[in-house]
Amino acid sequence: MFFISDAFAQTAAAGDTGGFIASLLPMILIFVAFWFFLIRPQQKRQKEHAKMVDGLSKGDEVLTAGGIAGRIADVADDYVVVQIASVKGEPVTLTIQRLAVQTVLPKGTIKTF
């Protein structure tokens, strides 16, 4: 009448430690893969960006996160003033957060304003 023998039902009810560890193994492997392929490279990029932002100085040519290219005219604690153009000899400047600077461009990229 019953298809499960008493001995099999008893071992299944008692639990198997090896089976528990074996069932957690795929989850652990997935976490390790995420760590090496996603989390670790992102942390590395964040450290590089923070180092670049700390090293900003007057005269650096930069590209902002919004796609605006310009030359740094002044540097403050949290903000930088970026000259983006020159109209009738007067500089056109923007004040942006230091963290909004995406890339420091090579010198001479921006020829003239």
C-alpha atoms as a PDB file:
ATOM      1  CA  MET A   1       0.000   0.000   0.000  1.00  0.00           C
ATOM      2  CA  PHE A   2       2.747   2.480   0.888  1.00  0.00           C
ATOM      3  CA  PHE A   3       5.587   2.860  -1.574  1.00  0.00           C
ATOM      4  CA  ILE A   4       8.175   4.257   0.868  1.00  0.00           C
ATOM      5  CA  SER A   5       9.802   1.733   3.129  1.00  0.00           C
ATOM      6  CA  ASP A   6      10.046   2.447   6.839  1.00  0.00           C
ATOM      7  CA  ALA A   7      13.859   2.514   6.788  1.00  0.00           C
ATOM      8  CA  PHE A   8      14.010   5.117   4.002  1.00  0.00           C
ATOM      9  CA  ALA A   9      11.448   7.337   5.701  1.00  0.00           C
ATOM     10  CA  GLN A  10      13.388   7.163   8.967  1.00  0.00           C
ATOM     11  CA  THR A  11      16.694   8.278   7.389  1.00  0.00           C
ATOM     12  CA  ALA A  12      14.979  11.110   5.544  1.00  0.00           C
ATOM     13  CA  ALA A  13      13.366  12.340   8.763  1.00  0.00           C
ATOM     14  CA  ALA A  14      16.647  12.190  10.725  1.00  0.00           C
ATOM     15  CA  GLY A  15      18.332  14.581   8.309  1.00  0.00           C
ATOM     16  CA  ASP A  16      21.660  14.305   6.554  1.00  0.00           C
ATOM     17  CA  THR A  17      24.424  16.819   7.307  1.00  0.00           C
ATOM     18  CA  GLY A  18      26.280  16.024   4.089  1.00  0.00           C
ATOM     19  CA  GLY A  19      23.144  16.771   2.102  1.00  0.00           C
ATOM     20  CA  PHE A  20      22.760  20.132   3.837  1.00  0.00           C
ATOM     21  CA  ILE A  21      26.318  21.186   2.996  1.00  0.00           C
ATOM     22  CA  ALA A  22      25.913  19.906  -0.550  1.00  0.00           C
ATOM     23  CA  SER A  23      22.762  21.983  -0.939  1.00  0.00           C
ATOM     24  CA  LEU A  24      24.601  25.131   0.269  1.00  0.00           C
ATOM     25  CA  LEU A  25      27.598  24.587  -2.007  1.00  0.00           C
ATOM     26  CA  PRO A  26      25.970  26.070  -5.157  1.00  0.00           C
ATOM     27  CA  MET A  27      24.943  29.193  -3.201  1.00  0.00           C
ATOM     28  CA  ILE A  28      28.491  29.635  -1.920  1.00  0.00           C
ATOM     29  CA  LEU A  29      29.910  29.201  -5.417  1.00  0.00           C
ATOM     30  CA  ILE A  30      27.488  31.787  -6.819  1.00  0.00           C
ATOM     31  CA  PHE A  31      28.484  34.270  -4.104  1.00  0.00           C
ATOM     32  CA  VAL A  32      32.198  33.734  -4.850  1.00  0.00           C
ATOM     33  CA  ALA A  33      31.562  34.257  -8.572  1.00  0.00           C
ATOM     34  CA  PHE A  34      29.649  37.487  -7.876  1.00  0.00           C
ATOM     35  CA  TRP A  35      32.473  38.661  -5.637  1.00  0.00           C
ATOM     36  CA  PHE A  36      35.195  38.168  -8.240  1.00  0.00           C
ATOM     37  CA  PHE A  37      33.254  39.272 -11.321  1.00  0.00           C
ATOM     38  CA  LEU A  38      31.046  42.106  -9.992  1.00  0.00           C
ATOM     39  CA  ILE A  39      31.794  43.382  -6.499  1.00  0.00           C
ATOM     40  CA  ARG A  40      35.606  43.403  -6.537  1.00  0.00           C
ATOM     41  CA  PRO A  41      36.013  45.218  -9.905  1.00  0.00           C
ATOM     42  CA  GLN A  42      33.428  47.833  -8.860  1.00  0.00           C
ATOM     43  CA  GLN A  43      35.300  48.518  -5.617  1.00  0.00           C
ATOM     44  CA  LYS A  44      38.517  48.900  -7.602  1.00  0.00           C
ATOM     45  CA  ARG A  45      36.887  51.439  -9.946  1.00  0.00           C
ATOM     46  CA  GLN A  46      35.517  53.390  -6.971  1.00  0.00           C
ATOM     47  CA  LYS A  47      38.975  53.594  -5.387  1.00  0.00           C
ATOM     48  CA  GLU A  48      40.531  54.769  -8.663  1.00  0.00           C
ATOM     49  CA  HIS A  49      37.829  57.436  -9.107  1.00  0.00           C
ATOM     50  CA  ALA A  50      38.282  58.676  -5.516  1.00  0.00           C
ATOM     51  CA  LYS A  51      42.049  58.908  -6.063  1.00  0.00           C
ATOM     52  CA  MET A  52      41.508  60.833  -9.319  1.00  0.00           C
ATOM     53  CA  VAL A  53      39.051  63.252  -7.663  1.00  0.00           C
ATOM     54  CA  ASP A  54      41.470  63.893  -4.793  1.00  0.00           C
ATOM     55  CA  GLY A  55      44.223  64.702  -7.278  1.00  0.00           C
ATOM     56  CA  LEU A  56      42.308  67.388  -9.209  1.00  0.00           C
ATOM     57  CA  SER A  57      44.197  70.647  -9.567  1.00  0.00           C
ATOM     58  CA  LYS A  58      43.890  73.987 -11.337  1.00  0.00           C
ATOM     59  CA  GLY A  59      44.587  73.697 -15.059  1.00  0.00           C
ATOM     60  CA  ASP A  60      43.514  70.048 -15.444  1.00  0.00           C
ATOM     61  CA  GLU A  61      41.309  69.347 -18.435  1.00  0.00           C
ATOM     62  CA  VAL A  62      38.305  67.296 -17.361  1.00  0.00           C
ATOM     63  CA  LEU A  63      35.167  65.639 -18.659  1.00  0.00           C
ATOM     64  CA  THR A  64      32.134  65.759 -16.353  1.00  0.00           C
ATOM     65  CA  ALA A  65      29.534  63.042 -15.848  1.00  0.00           C
ATOM     66  CA  GLY A  66      27.156  65.181 -17.922  1.00  0.00           C
ATOM     67  CA  GLY A  67      29.537  65.179 -20.880  1.00  0.00           C
ATOM     68  CA  ILE A  68      30.839  68.741 -20.498  1.00  0.00           C
ATOM     69  CA  ALA A  69      34.533  69.203 -21.225  1.00  0.00           C
ATOM     70  CA  GLY A  70      36.482  72.072 -19.730  1.00  0.00           C
ATOM     71  CA  ARG A  71      39.528  73.257 -17.831  1.00  0.00           C
ATOM     72  CA  ILE A  72      39.543  73.596 -14.047  1.00  0.00           C
ATOM     73  CA  ALA A  73      39.811  77.274 -13.088  1.00  0.00           C
ATOM     74  CA  ASP A  74      39.519  76.890  -9.312  1.00  0.00           C
ATOM     75  CA  VAL A  75      39.417  74.037  -6.798  1.00  0.00           C
ATOM     76  CA  ALA A  76      37.558  74.062  -3.459  1.00  0.00           C
ATOM     77  CA  ASP A  77      36.911  71.319  -0.895  1.00  0.00           C
ATOM     78  CA  ASP A  78      33.755  69.873  -2.468  1.00  0.00           C
ATOM     79  CA  TYR A  79      33.432  71.887  -5.679  1.00  0.00           C
ATOM     80  CA  VAL A  80      35.488  72.809  -8.732  1.00  0.00           C
ATOM     81  CA  VAL A  81      34.998  75.715 -11.116  1.00  0.00           C
ATOM     82  CA  VAL A  82      35.301  74.526 -14.709  1.00  0.00           C
ATOM     83  CA  GLN A  83      35.845  76.966 -17.578  1.00  0.00           C
ATOM     84  CA  ILE A  84      33.917  75.643 -20.558  1.00  0.00           C
ATOM     85  CA  ALA A  85      34.177  78.531 -23.014  1.00  0.00           C
ATOM     86  CA  SER A  86      35.234  82.118 -23.531  1.00  0.00           C
ATOM     87  CA  VAL A  87      32.857  84.787 -24.866  1.00  0.00           C
ATOM     88  CA  LYS A  88      34.334  88.176 -25.865  1.00  0.00           C
ATOM     89  CA  GLY A  89      37.390  87.456 -23.756  1.00  0.00           C
ATOM     90  CA  GLU A  90      35.340  86.606 -20.645  1.00  0.00           C
ATOM     91  CA  PRO A  91      35.456  83.027 -19.341  1.00  0.00           C
ATOM     92  CA  VAL A  92      32.241  81.031 -19.094  1.00  0.00           C
ATOM     93  CA  THR A  93      32.457  78.882 -15.973  1.00  0.00           C
ATOM     94  CA  LEU A  94      30.408  76.243 -14.183  1.00  0.00           C
ATOM     95  CA  THR A  95      30.654  75.263 -10.542  1.00  0.00           C
ATOM     96  CA  ILE A  96      30.267  71.505 -10.161  1.00  0.00           C
ATOM     97  CA  GLN A  97      30.823  68.928  -7.449  1.00  0.00           C
ATOM     98  CA  ARG A  98      34.205  67.247  -7.462  1.00  0.00           C
ATOM     99  CA  LEU A  99      32.530  63.838  -7.684  1.00  0.00           C
ATOM    100  CA  ALA A 100      30.841  64.863 -10.947  1.00  0.00           C
ATOM    101  CA  VAL A 101      34.233  64.872 -12.680  1.00  0.00           C
ATOM    102  CA  GLN A 102      34.324  61.635 -14.622  1.00  0.00           C
ATOM    103  CA  THR A 103      37.706  61.755 -16.363  1.00  0.00           C
ATOM    104  CA  VAL A 104      40.856  63.834 -16.417  1.00  0.00           C
ATOM    105  CA  LEU A 105      41.715  64.381 -20.075  1.00  0.00           C
ATOM    106  CA  PRO A 106      45.281  64.510 -21.430  1.00  0.00           C
ATOM    107  CA  LYS A 107      46.791  67.994 -21.625  1.00  0.00           C
ATOM    108  CA  GLY A 108      46.046  69.715 -24.928  1.00  0.00           C
ATOM    109  CA  THR A 109      42.774  67.858 -25.560  1.00  0.00           C
ATOM    110  CA  ILE A 110      40.867  71.107 -25.285  1.00  0.00           C
ATOM    111  CA  LYS A 111      42.724  73.467 -27.608  1.00  0.00           C
ATOM    112  CA  THR A 112      41.022  76.791 -26.994  1.00  0.00           C
ATOM    113  CA  PHE A 113      37.882  78.290 -25.575  1.00  0.00           C
END
